[in-house]
Amino acid sequence: MKTLFSVDRETFTRLAQAADRGDQNALQSLRDLWGYDRGEIRCFLCSNIVSERPILGGLIFPSLHDEQTLCGAVICAVCSSLPADERWAQTLARLEEEDGKSLTTVH
């Protein structure tokens, strides 16, 4: 299963900051967002199985429909190491496939 989730920007920021300070409840909430309990998860970009799941890693990007919402997707270590512009181009291409719309304008 590929995981793509959306979360309120303020909520995610608050959780990430608390997790960075070592808050175990915030860490668990982030693990839940990333789908730690969902069994096998595939990389959003290349579909390889993701063996190490991120807590604050992966792809985080603004929603194209609502500026108060962030989207996140689990990606593998190989895709995570791609240059940022290549990762973003692949993300847009994958979102176009998923959504069936052109996403060339991003604010």
N, C-alpha and C. Protein backbone atom coordinates (compact mmCIF):
# COMPACT_ATOMS: atom_id res chain seq x y z
N MET A 1 0.85 -1.17 0.00
CA MET A 1 0.00 0.00 0.00
C MET A 1 0.89 1.24 0.00
N LYS A 2 0.54 2.22 -0.82
CA LYS A 2 1.21 3.52 -0.80
C LYS A 2 0.48 4.41 0.18
N THR A 3 1.23 5.22 0.90
CA THR A 3 0.61 6.08 1.90
C THR A 3 0.77 7.54 1.50
N LEU A 4 -0.34 8.22 1.40
CA LEU A 4 -0.39 9.65 1.18
C LEU A 4 -1.40 10.17 2.18
N PHE A 5 -0.99 11.09 3.02
CA PHE A 5 -1.91 11.58 4.04
C PHE A 5 -1.95 13.10 4.02
N SER A 6 -2.98 13.65 4.63
CA SER A 6 -3.05 15.10 4.79
C SER A 6 -3.27 15.38 6.27
N VAL A 7 -2.73 16.51 6.70
CA VAL A 7 -2.80 16.89 8.10
C VAL A 7 -2.80 18.41 8.18
N ASP A 8 -3.48 18.93 9.17
CA ASP A 8 -3.48 20.37 9.40
C ASP A 8 -2.05 20.85 9.65
N ARG A 9 -1.66 21.91 8.97
CA ARG A 9 -0.30 22.44 9.05
C ARG A 9 0.11 22.75 10.49
N GLU A 10 -0.75 23.42 11.22
CA GLU A 10 -0.44 23.79 12.60
C GLU A 10 -0.27 22.55 13.49
N THR A 11 -1.13 21.57 13.30
CA THR A 11 -1.04 20.34 14.08
C THR A 11 0.27 19.62 13.81
N PHE A 12 0.63 19.49 12.53
CA PHE A 12 1.87 18.80 12.19
C PHE A 12 3.08 19.54 12.75
N THR A 13 3.09 20.85 12.62
CA THR A 13 4.20 21.65 13.13
C THR A 13 4.34 21.47 14.63
N ARG A 14 3.22 21.52 15.33
CA ARG A 14 3.24 21.34 16.79
C ARG A 14 3.76 19.95 17.17
N LEU A 15 3.28 18.91 16.48
CA LEU A 15 3.73 17.55 16.75
C LEU A 15 5.22 17.38 16.46
N ALA A 16 5.67 17.92 15.33
CA ALA A 16 7.08 17.80 14.96
C ALA A 16 7.98 18.48 15.97
N GLN A 17 7.59 19.66 16.44
CA GLN A 17 8.39 20.37 17.43
C GLN A 17 8.42 19.61 18.75
N ALA A 18 7.28 19.08 19.16
CA ALA A 18 7.22 18.32 20.42
C ALA A 18 8.04 17.03 20.30
N ALA A 19 7.94 16.36 19.16
CA ALA A 19 8.72 15.13 18.95
C ALA A 19 10.21 15.42 18.97
N ASP A 20 10.59 16.55 18.40
CA ASP A 20 11.99 16.95 18.39
C ASP A 20 12.52 17.17 19.81
N ARG A 21 11.62 17.55 20.72
CA ARG A 21 11.99 17.73 22.13
C ARG A 21 11.92 16.42 22.91
N GLY A 22 11.52 15.33 22.23
CA GLY A 22 11.48 14.03 22.88
C GLY A 22 10.13 13.63 23.44
N ASP A 23 9.08 14.36 23.14
CA ASP A 23 7.74 14.03 23.63
C ASP A 23 7.27 12.71 23.01
N GLN A 24 7.11 11.68 23.84
CA GLN A 24 6.77 10.34 23.35
C GLN A 24 5.36 10.28 22.75
N ASN A 25 4.41 11.04 23.28
CA ASN A 25 3.06 11.07 22.71
C ASN A 25 3.08 11.67 21.30
N ALA A 26 3.87 12.73 21.12
CA ALA A 26 4.00 13.35 19.79
C ALA A 26 4.67 12.38 18.82
N LEU A 27 5.70 11.68 19.28
CA LEU A 27 6.37 10.69 18.43
C LEU A 27 5.39 9.61 17.98
N GLN A 28 4.56 9.14 18.91
CA GLN A 28 3.58 8.11 18.56
C GLN A 28 2.55 8.65 17.56
N SER A 29 2.13 9.89 17.74
CA SER A 29 1.18 10.50 16.80
C SER A 29 1.78 10.59 15.40
N LEU A 30 3.06 10.93 15.31
CA LEU A 30 3.73 10.99 14.01
C LEU A 30 3.88 9.59 13.41
N ARG A 31 4.21 8.62 14.23
CA ARG A 31 4.28 7.23 13.74
C ARG A 31 2.92 6.81 13.16
N ASP A 32 1.85 7.20 13.85
CA ASP A 32 0.51 6.87 13.36
C ASP A 32 0.23 7.53 12.01
N LEU A 33 0.65 8.78 11.85
CA LEU A 33 0.47 9.48 10.58
C LEU A 33 1.17 8.75 9.44
N TRP A 34 2.41 8.31 9.71
CA TRP A 34 3.22 7.67 8.67
C TRP A 34 2.78 6.24 8.39
N GLY A 35 1.86 5.71 9.19
CA GLY A 35 1.32 4.39 8.90
C GLY A 35 2.12 3.23 9.44
N TYR A 36 2.71 3.39 10.59
CA TYR A 36 3.51 2.31 11.18
C TYR A 36 2.71 1.04 11.42
N ASP A 37 1.42 1.15 11.59
CA ASP A 37 0.59 -0.02 11.90
C ASP A 37 -0.10 -0.59 10.67
N ARG A 38 0.28 -0.17 9.49
CA ARG A 38 -0.44 -0.58 8.27
C ARG A 38 0.23 -1.73 7.52
N GLY A 39 1.21 -2.36 8.11
CA GLY A 39 1.87 -3.46 7.40
C GLY A 39 2.80 -2.93 6.33
N GLU A 40 2.85 -3.64 5.21
CA GLU A 40 3.76 -3.28 4.13
C GLU A 40 3.37 -1.95 3.50
N ILE A 41 4.34 -1.06 3.39
CA ILE A 41 4.11 0.23 2.75
C ILE A 41 5.12 0.40 1.62
N ARG A 42 4.64 0.91 0.52
CA ARG A 42 5.49 1.13 -0.65
C ARG A 42 5.80 2.61 -0.81
N CYS A 43 6.96 2.87 -1.38
CA CYS A 43 7.40 4.24 -1.64
C CYS A 43 6.41 4.93 -2.57
N PHE A 44 6.04 6.14 -2.24
CA PHE A 44 5.09 6.91 -3.04
C PHE A 44 5.65 7.18 -4.44
N LEU A 45 6.97 7.30 -4.56
CA LEU A 45 7.57 7.65 -5.85
C LEU A 45 7.93 6.46 -6.72
N CYS A 46 8.55 5.42 -6.13
CA CYS A 46 9.05 4.32 -6.97
C CYS A 46 8.37 2.98 -6.71
N SER A 47 7.52 2.91 -5.70
CA SER A 47 6.76 1.70 -5.34
C SER A 47 7.58 0.59 -4.69
N ASN A 48 8.86 0.84 -4.38
CA ASN A 48 9.63 -0.16 -3.64
C ASN A 48 9.11 -0.22 -2.21
N ILE A 49 9.29 -1.38 -1.58
CA ILE A 49 8.88 -1.53 -0.18
C ILE A 49 9.80 -0.67 0.69
N VAL A 50 9.18 0.05 1.62
CA VAL A 50 9.93 0.92 2.53
C VAL A 50 10.19 0.13 3.81
N SER A 51 11.46 -0.16 4.06
CA SER A 51 11.79 -0.97 5.23
C SER A 51 11.94 -0.11 6.49
N GLU A 52 12.49 1.08 6.35
CA GLU A 52 12.62 1.98 7.49
C GLU A 52 11.65 3.13 7.29
N ARG A 53 10.72 3.25 8.19
CA ARG A 53 9.70 4.28 8.05
C ARG A 53 10.12 5.54 8.78
N PRO A 54 9.91 6.68 8.16
CA PRO A 54 10.35 7.94 8.77
C PRO A 54 9.43 8.36 9.91
N ILE A 55 9.94 9.19 10.76
CA ILE A 55 9.10 9.87 11.74
C ILE A 55 8.93 11.31 11.29
N LEU A 56 10.02 11.97 10.98
CA LEU A 56 9.94 13.34 10.47
C LEU A 56 10.48 13.43 9.04
N GLY A 57 10.81 12.30 8.45
CA GLY A 57 11.33 12.29 7.09
C GLY A 57 10.22 12.10 6.08
N GLY A 58 10.57 11.54 4.94
CA GLY A 58 9.58 11.36 3.89
C GLY A 58 9.33 12.66 3.17
N LEU A 59 8.25 12.72 2.48
CA LEU A 59 7.87 13.94 1.76
C LEU A 59 6.81 14.68 2.56
N ILE A 60 7.03 15.93 2.77
CA ILE A 60 6.02 16.81 3.37
C ILE A 60 5.91 18.00 2.43
N PHE A 61 4.70 18.29 1.97
CA PHE A 61 4.53 19.40 1.04
C PHE A 61 3.16 20.02 1.23
N PRO A 62 3.02 21.29 0.85
CA PRO A 62 1.73 21.95 1.03
C PRO A 62 0.68 21.37 0.08
N SER A 63 -0.54 21.30 0.58
CA SER A 63 -1.65 20.88 -0.26
C SER A 63 -1.83 21.87 -1.39
N LEU A 64 -2.21 21.37 -2.54
CA LEU A 64 -2.45 22.26 -3.67
C LEU A 64 -3.83 22.89 -3.61
N HIS A 65 -4.65 22.42 -2.66
CA HIS A 65 -6.03 22.89 -2.57
C HIS A 65 -6.31 23.74 -1.34
N ASP A 66 -5.43 23.67 -0.34
CA ASP A 66 -5.69 24.36 0.93
C ASP A 66 -4.36 24.69 1.60
N GLU A 67 -4.06 25.95 1.76
CA GLU A 67 -2.76 26.34 2.31
C GLU A 67 -2.59 26.00 3.78
N GLN A 68 -3.65 25.67 4.47
CA GLN A 68 -3.55 25.29 5.88
C GLN A 68 -3.34 23.78 6.06
N THR A 69 -3.23 23.07 4.96
CA THR A 69 -3.08 21.61 5.00
C THR A 69 -1.74 21.21 4.39
N LEU A 70 -1.09 20.26 5.05
CA LEU A 70 0.13 19.65 4.51
C LEU A 70 -0.20 18.24 4.06
N CYS A 71 0.51 17.79 3.06
CA CYS A 71 0.40 16.41 2.61
C CYS A 71 1.73 15.73 2.91
N GLY A 72 1.66 14.45 3.14
CA GLY A 72 2.87 13.69 3.41
C GLY A 72 2.81 12.36 2.71
N ALA A 73 3.97 11.85 2.35
CA ALA A 73 4.04 10.55 1.70
C ALA A 73 5.32 9.86 2.14
N VAL A 74 5.21 8.57 2.35
CA VAL A 74 6.37 7.77 2.71
C VAL A 74 7.18 7.51 1.45
N ILE A 75 8.50 7.71 1.54
CA ILE A 75 9.39 7.39 0.43
C ILE A 75 10.56 6.55 0.95
N CYS A 76 11.17 5.81 0.06
CA CYS A 76 12.28 4.94 0.43
C CYS A 76 13.57 5.74 0.55
N ALA A 77 14.61 5.09 1.05
CA ALA A 77 15.90 5.75 1.25
C ALA A 77 16.51 6.22 -0.08
N VAL A 78 16.32 5.43 -1.14
CA VAL A 78 16.86 5.81 -2.45
C VAL A 78 16.21 7.09 -2.95
N CYS A 79 14.89 7.16 -2.91
CA CYS A 79 14.18 8.36 -3.37
C CYS A 79 14.45 9.55 -2.44
N SER A 80 14.64 9.26 -1.17
CA SER A 80 14.93 10.33 -0.21
C SER A 80 16.28 10.98 -0.51
N SER A 81 17.20 10.23 -1.11
CA SER A 81 18.53 10.76 -1.40
C SER A 81 18.60 11.50 -2.75
N LEU A 82 17.50 11.49 -3.51
CA LEU A 82 17.48 12.23 -4.78
C LEU A 82 17.60 13.73 -4.53
N PRO A 83 18.15 14.48 -5.48
CA PRO A 83 18.17 15.94 -5.33
C PRO A 83 16.74 16.46 -5.16
N ALA A 84 16.59 17.51 -4.39
CA ALA A 84 15.27 18.05 -4.04
C ALA A 84 14.42 18.36 -5.28
N ASP A 85 15.04 18.96 -6.30
CA ASP A 85 14.25 19.32 -7.49
C ASP A 85 13.75 18.07 -8.23
N GLU A 86 14.55 17.02 -8.25
CA GLU A 86 14.12 15.78 -8.90
C GLU A 86 13.02 15.10 -8.09
N ARG A 87 13.18 15.11 -6.76
CA ARG A 87 12.15 14.53 -5.88
C ARG A 87 10.83 15.26 -6.07
N TRP A 88 10.87 16.60 -6.14
CA TRP A 88 9.66 17.39 -6.30
C TRP A 88 9.01 17.14 -7.66
N ALA A 89 9.83 17.04 -8.72
CA ALA A 89 9.29 16.77 -10.06
C ALA A 89 8.60 15.40 -10.08
N GLN A 90 9.21 14.40 -9.44
CA GLN A 90 8.58 13.08 -9.40
C GLN A 90 7.31 13.10 -8.56
N THR A 91 7.32 13.90 -7.50
CA THR A 91 6.12 14.02 -6.66
C THR A 91 4.97 14.62 -7.46
N LEU A 92 5.24 15.69 -8.19
CA LEU A 92 4.20 16.31 -9.02
C LEU A 92 3.68 15.34 -10.07
N ALA A 93 4.59 14.60 -10.70
CA ALA A 93 4.17 13.63 -11.72
C ALA A 93 3.27 12.57 -11.11
N ARG A 94 3.65 12.07 -9.93
CA ARG A 94 2.85 11.03 -9.26
C ARG A 94 1.48 11.59 -8.85
N LEU A 95 1.45 12.83 -8.35
CA LEU A 95 0.18 13.44 -7.96
C LEU A 95 -0.72 13.64 -9.17
N GLU A 96 -0.14 14.01 -10.31
CA GLU A 96 -0.93 14.14 -11.53
C GLU A 96 -1.55 12.80 -11.91
N GLU A 97 -0.76 11.73 -11.79
CA GLU A 97 -1.29 10.39 -12.09
C GLU A 97 -2.44 10.05 -11.15
N GLU A 98 -2.26 10.36 -9.89
CA GLU A 98 -3.27 10.04 -8.88
C GLU A 98 -4.53 10.88 -9.04
N ASP A 99 -4.34 12.16 -9.35
CA ASP A 99 -5.44 13.10 -9.40
C ASP A 99 -6.06 13.23 -10.79
N GLY A 100 -5.29 12.94 -11.80
CA GLY A 100 -5.79 13.07 -13.16
C GLY A 100 -5.87 14.50 -13.64
N LYS A 101 -5.22 15.42 -12.92
CA LYS A 101 -5.25 16.84 -13.30
C LYS A 101 -3.83 17.34 -13.47
N SER A 102 -3.67 18.40 -14.21
CA SER A 102 -2.36 19.02 -14.35
C SER A 102 -2.10 19.87 -13.10
N LEU A 103 -0.92 19.71 -12.54
CA LEU A 103 -0.57 20.44 -11.31
C LEU A 103 0.61 21.37 -11.55
N THR A 104 0.64 22.00 -12.71
CA THR A 104 1.82 22.78 -13.05
C THR A 104 1.90 24.10 -12.28
N THR A 105 0.81 24.61 -11.76
CA THR A 105 0.84 25.84 -11.00
C THR A 105 0.80 25.52 -9.50
N VAL A 106 1.88 25.84 -8.83
CA VAL A 106 1.98 25.58 -7.40
C VAL A 106 2.31 26.88 -6.71
N HIS A 107 1.55 27.19 -5.66
CA HIS A 107 1.79 28.44 -4.91
C HIS A 107 2.45 28.12 -3.61
